[in-house]
Amino acid sequence: MKKRSIGKFVASIRRKLFMHRVGWEIIHKIFPHVNEWADYGYPFSSIEGMAASSNAKYRAAERTLRLIEQTASKLGEAEGNAFRYIAYRDLNERMSVYLEFASQRVPPATCDPRYIATRAPVV
């Protein structure tokens, strides 16, 4: 049992470091690069270029997923299914961290009415 809690602790630290690294890169490298304050070697130099590059990476990820399926189908049923299980488990774990990061950054759609001022302060 102790081993499991240590594993969860280490996993939470890794998750926090991942979140920090992604946020730091966005703020301290990508934004300055796009605004031409610095050159960090990204393959884009504008918001539009970044969007095009992101779309290209998305299409490459789709192709890679198709290749995983094609390759797994050539391994034989048992090994192919085992390979798929491991590959998709790993990919889903990694993608869930990106989704968690993005979800935390999305502004709320509504505001709790308890936090809305109902009248101007008296000065």
Protein backbone atom coordinates (compact mmCIF):
# COMPACT_ATOMS: atom_id res chain seq x y z
CA MET A 1 0.00 0.00 0.00
CA LYS A 2 2.83 2.37 0.83
CA LYS A 3 4.33 1.78 -2.62
CA ARG A 4 1.05 2.82 -4.28
CA SER A 5 0.86 6.12 -2.36
CA ILE A 6 4.49 6.89 -3.20
CA GLY A 7 3.71 6.19 -6.86
CA LYS A 8 0.72 8.56 -6.74
CA PHE A 9 2.87 11.21 -5.09
CA VAL A 10 5.56 10.90 -7.77
CA ALA A 11 2.90 10.95 -10.51
CA SER A 12 1.38 14.14 -9.08
CA ILE A 13 4.82 15.79 -9.00
CA ARG A 14 5.45 14.76 -12.62
CA ARG A 15 2.04 16.15 -13.60
CA LYS A 16 2.74 19.47 -11.88
CA LEU A 17 6.16 19.74 -13.52
CA PHE A 18 4.60 18.99 -16.90
CA MET A 19 1.96 21.70 -16.37
CA HIS A 20 4.65 24.16 -15.32
CA ARG A 21 6.89 23.37 -18.31
CA VAL A 22 4.06 23.75 -20.85
CA GLY A 23 2.84 27.00 -19.33
CA TRP A 24 6.38 28.35 -19.09
CA GLU A 25 7.13 27.53 -22.73
CA ILE A 26 3.94 29.23 -23.90
CA ILE A 27 4.55 32.41 -21.92
CA HIS A 28 8.34 32.68 -22.05
CA LYS A 29 9.22 31.20 -25.43
CA ILE A 30 6.33 30.94 -27.88
CA PHE A 31 4.73 34.34 -27.16
CA PRO A 32 8.05 36.24 -27.38
CA HIS A 33 8.91 34.29 -30.54
CA VAL A 34 5.59 35.13 -32.23
CA ASN A 35 5.87 38.78 -31.17
CA GLU A 36 9.42 38.86 -32.63
CA TRP A 37 10.97 39.80 -29.28
CA ALA A 38 13.24 36.76 -29.50
CA ASP A 39 14.02 33.91 -31.87
CA TYR A 40 13.64 30.51 -30.25
CA GLY A 41 13.83 28.55 -33.49
CA TYR A 42 10.17 27.63 -33.83
CA PRO A 43 9.08 26.85 -37.42
CA PHE A 44 6.64 29.79 -37.43
CA SER A 45 6.90 33.53 -36.92
CA SER A 46 3.27 34.59 -36.59
CA ILE A 47 -0.01 33.51 -35.04
CA GLU A 48 -1.18 32.34 -38.46
CA GLY A 49 2.04 30.39 -38.98
CA MET A 50 1.67 28.82 -35.55
CA ALA A 51 -1.90 27.77 -36.41
CA ALA A 52 -0.74 26.26 -39.71
CA SER A 53 2.09 24.44 -37.95
CA SER A 54 -0.33 23.17 -35.30
CA ASN A 55 -2.67 21.86 -38.00
CA ALA A 56 0.23 20.11 -39.70
CA LYS A 57 1.22 18.47 -36.38
CA TYR A 58 -2.41 17.38 -35.87
CA ARG A 59 -2.48 15.73 -39.32
CA ALA A 60 0.86 14.05 -38.59
CA ALA A 61 -0.56 12.66 -35.33
CA GLU A 62 -3.57 11.30 -37.23
CA ARG A 63 -1.23 9.61 -39.73
CA THR A 64 0.81 8.13 -36.89
CA LEU A 65 -2.33 6.68 -35.29
CA ARG A 66 -3.28 5.10 -38.62
CA LEU A 67 0.24 3.67 -38.94
CA ILE A 68 0.01 2.20 -35.43
CA GLU A 69 -3.19 0.43 -36.47
CA GLN A 70 -1.71 -0.79 -39.77
CA THR A 71 1.45 -2.05 -38.11
CA ALA A 72 -0.42 -3.69 -35.22
CA SER A 73 -2.63 -5.56 -37.67
CA LYS A 74 0.51 -7.19 -39.14
CA LEU A 75 1.70 -8.48 -35.75
CA GLY A 76 -0.91 -11.16 -35.36
CA GLU A 77 -4.06 -10.96 -33.29
CA ALA A 78 -2.71 -11.49 -29.75
CA GLU A 79 0.47 -9.43 -30.10
CA GLY A 80 -1.30 -6.76 -32.14
CA ASN A 81 -4.02 -6.34 -29.52
CA ALA A 82 -1.45 -6.26 -26.72
CA PHE A 83 0.57 -3.66 -28.63
CA ARG A 84 -2.54 -1.54 -29.29
CA TYR A 85 -3.51 -1.72 -25.62
CA ILE A 86 -0.08 -0.51 -24.46
CA ALA A 87 0.23 2.17 -27.15
CA TYR A 88 -3.24 3.65 -26.61
CA ARG A 89 -2.96 3.44 -22.82
CA ASP A 90 0.27 5.44 -22.99
CA LEU A 91 -1.07 7.94 -25.53
CA ASN A 92 -4.29 8.49 -23.58
CA GLU A 93 -2.38 9.09 -20.34
CA ARG A 94 -0.20 11.67 -22.05
CA MET A 95 -3.11 13.34 -23.84
CA SER A 96 -5.10 13.54 -20.60
CA VAL A 97 -2.37 15.74 -19.10
CA TYR A 98 -2.55 18.12 -22.07
CA LEU A 99 -6.34 18.19 -21.78
CA GLU A 100 -6.11 18.89 -18.05
CA PHE A 101 -3.69 21.76 -18.73
CA ALA A 102 -5.97 23.28 -21.36
CA SER A 103 -9.10 22.79 -19.24
CA GLN A 104 -7.51 24.67 -16.35
CA ARG A 105 -6.74 27.62 -18.64
CA VAL A 106 -10.23 27.96 -20.16
CA PRO A 107 -12.08 30.88 -18.58
CA PRO A 108 -15.39 29.93 -16.98
CA ALA A 109 -18.48 30.30 -19.18
CA THR A 110 -20.48 31.78 -16.32
CA CYS A 111 -19.68 33.66 -13.15
CA ASP A 112 -20.98 32.74 -9.71
CA PRO A 113 -23.49 35.49 -8.86
CA ARG A 114 -22.08 35.69 -5.33
CA TYR A 115 -18.98 37.35 -6.80
CA ILE A 116 -20.79 40.00 -8.84
CA ALA A 117 -21.00 43.48 -7.34
CA THR A 118 -24.59 44.60 -7.00
CA ARG A 119 -23.85 48.24 -6.32
CA ALA A 120 -20.95 50.64 -6.55
CA PRO A 121 -18.92 51.10 -3.38
CA VAL A 122 -19.60 54.26 -1.41
CA VAL A 123 -16.56 56.49 -1.29
